[in-house]
C-alpha atoms as a PDB file:
ATOM      1  CA  UNK A   1      23.871  -5.409 -19.509  1.00  0.00           C
ATOM      2  CA  UNK A   2      27.193  -6.969 -18.583  1.00  0.00           C
ATOM      3  CA  UNK A   3      27.397 -10.720 -18.079  1.00  0.00           C
ATOM      4  CA  UNK A   4      28.046 -11.731 -14.512  1.00  0.00           C
ATOM      5  CA  UNK A   5      30.477 -14.567 -13.786  1.00  0.00           C
ATOM      6  CA  UNK A   6      29.504 -16.669 -10.799  1.00  0.00           C
ATOM      7  CA  UNK A   7      31.283 -19.585  -9.173  1.00  0.00           C
ATOM      8  CA  UNK A   8      29.279 -22.311  -7.501  1.00  0.00           C
ATOM      9  CA  UNK A   9      30.590 -25.007  -5.180  1.00  0.00           C
ATOM     10  CA  UNK A  10      28.703 -28.301  -5.034  1.00  0.00           C
ATOM     11  CA  UNK A  11      29.199 -29.843  -1.621  1.00  0.00           C
ATOM     12  CA  UNK A  12      28.027 -33.361  -0.975  1.00  0.00           C
ATOM     13  CA  UNK A  13      28.308 -36.844  -2.280  1.00  0.00           C
ATOM     14  CA  UNK A  14      24.902 -37.253  -3.862  1.00  0.00           C
ATOM     15  CA  UNK A  15      23.958 -36.942  -7.536  1.00  0.00           C
ATOM     16  CA  UNK A  16      24.952 -33.252  -7.667  1.00  0.00           C
ATOM     17  CA  UNK A  17      28.374 -34.007  -6.197  1.00  0.00           C
ATOM     18  CA  UNK A  18      28.956 -36.828  -8.662  1.00  0.00           C
ATOM     19  CA  UNK A  19      27.868 -34.652 -11.584  1.00  0.00           C
ATOM     20  CA  UNK A  20      30.200 -31.869 -10.494  1.00  0.00           C
ATOM     21  CA  UNK A  21      33.122 -34.322 -10.463  1.00  0.00           C
ATOM     22  CA  UNK A  22      32.463 -35.926 -13.842  1.00  0.00           C
ATOM     23  CA  UNK A  23      31.504 -33.053 -16.149  1.00  0.00           C
ATOM     24  CA  UNK A  24      33.454 -30.060 -17.442  1.00  0.00           C
ATOM     25  CA  UNK A  25      31.465 -26.862 -17.212  1.00  0.00           C
ATOM     26  CA  UNK A  26      31.607 -23.919 -19.620  1.00  0.00           C
ATOM     27  CA  UNK A  27      33.694 -21.115 -18.209  1.00  0.00           C
ATOM     28  CA  UNK A  28      35.472 -23.314 -15.667  1.00  0.00           C
ATOM     29  CA  UNK A  29      39.025 -22.194 -15.064  1.00  0.00           C
ATOM     30  CA  UNK A  30      42.137 -24.289 -14.350  1.00  0.00           C
ATOM     31  CA  UNK A  31      41.622 -24.087 -10.574  1.00  0.00           C
ATOM     32  CA  UNK A  32      38.078 -25.451 -10.842  1.00  0.00           C
ATOM     33  CA  UNK A  33      39.350 -28.286 -13.037  1.00  0.00           C
ATOM     34  CA  UNK A  34      42.016 -29.150 -10.442  1.00  0.00           C
ATOM     35  CA  UNK A  35      39.366 -29.194  -7.704  1.00  0.00           C
ATOM     36  CA  UNK A  36      37.315 -31.639  -9.802  1.00  0.00           C
ATOM     37  CA  UNK A  37      40.340 -33.911 -10.257  1.00  0.00           C
ATOM     38  CA  UNK A  38      41.178 -33.771  -6.534  1.00  0.00           C
ATOM     39  CA  UNK A  39      37.597 -34.657  -5.563  1.00  0.00           C
ATOM     40  CA  UNK A  40      37.495 -37.532  -8.042  1.00  0.00           C
ATOM     41  CA  UNK A  41      40.879 -38.842  -6.832  1.00  0.00           C
ATOM     42  CA  UNK A  42      39.633 -38.703  -3.238  1.00  0.00           C
ATOM     43  CA  UNK A  43      36.413 -40.597  -3.978  1.00  0.00           C
ATOM     44  CA  UNK A  44      38.144 -43.266  -6.062  1.00  0.00           C
ATOM     45  CA  UNK A  45      41.046 -43.678  -3.634  1.00  0.00           C
ATOM     46  CA  UNK A  46      39.181 -43.738  -0.320  1.00  0.00           C
ATOM     47  CA  UNK A  47      36.877 -46.538   0.768  1.00  0.00           C
ATOM     48  CA  UNK A  48      35.156 -44.189   3.222  1.00  0.00           C
ATOM     49  CA  UNK A  49      34.541 -41.582   0.523  1.00  0.00           C
ATOM     50  CA  UNK A  50      33.287 -44.122  -2.012  1.00  0.00           C
ATOM     51  CA  UNK A  51      30.971 -45.646   0.619  1.00  0.00           C
ATOM     52  CA  UNK A  52      29.601 -42.196   1.457  1.00  0.00           C
ATOM     53  CA  UNK A  53      29.050 -41.522  -2.248  1.00  0.00           C
ATOM     54  CA  UNK A  54      27.180 -44.814  -2.673  1.00  0.00           C
ATOM     55  CA  UNK A  55      25.028 -44.211   0.412  1.00  0.00           C
ATOM     56  CA  UNK A  56      24.142 -40.652  -0.517  1.00  0.00           C
ATOM     57  CA  UNK A  57      23.588 -41.366  -4.195  1.00  0.00           C
ATOM     58  CA  UNK A  58      20.917 -44.025  -3.666  1.00  0.00           C
ATOM     59  CA  UNK A  59      19.643 -42.627  -0.381  1.00  0.00           C
ATOM     60  CA  UNK A  60      20.127 -45.860   1.555  1.00  0.00           C
ATOM     61  CA  UNK A  61      22.729 -47.081   4.027  1.00  0.00           C
ATOM     62  CA  UNK A  62      25.314 -49.075   2.092  1.00  0.00           C
ATOM     63  CA  UNK A  63      24.915 -52.164   4.331  1.00  0.00           C
ATOM     64  CA  UNK A  64      21.184 -52.233   3.552  1.00  0.00           C
ATOM     65  CA  UNK A  65      22.091 -53.177  -0.013  1.00  0.00           C
ATOM     66  CA  UNK A  66      23.796 -56.371   1.228  1.00  0.00           C
ATOM     67  CA  UNK A  67      20.538 -57.863   2.557  1.00  0.00           C
END
């Protein structure tokens, strides 16, 4: 049986999104690596994106953590 190559896109800013940005995956090509870098640059360079990541990662509104 031939091996099947499948590409998966992780969309979201929760734990799965963070994992997909921080880890290299076996079989990932150069394009997938560039997408990872672009997503990481966006999250680290945008206050809105980093706030969304923080809110989705812990499951709480970010301002709720200030109380």
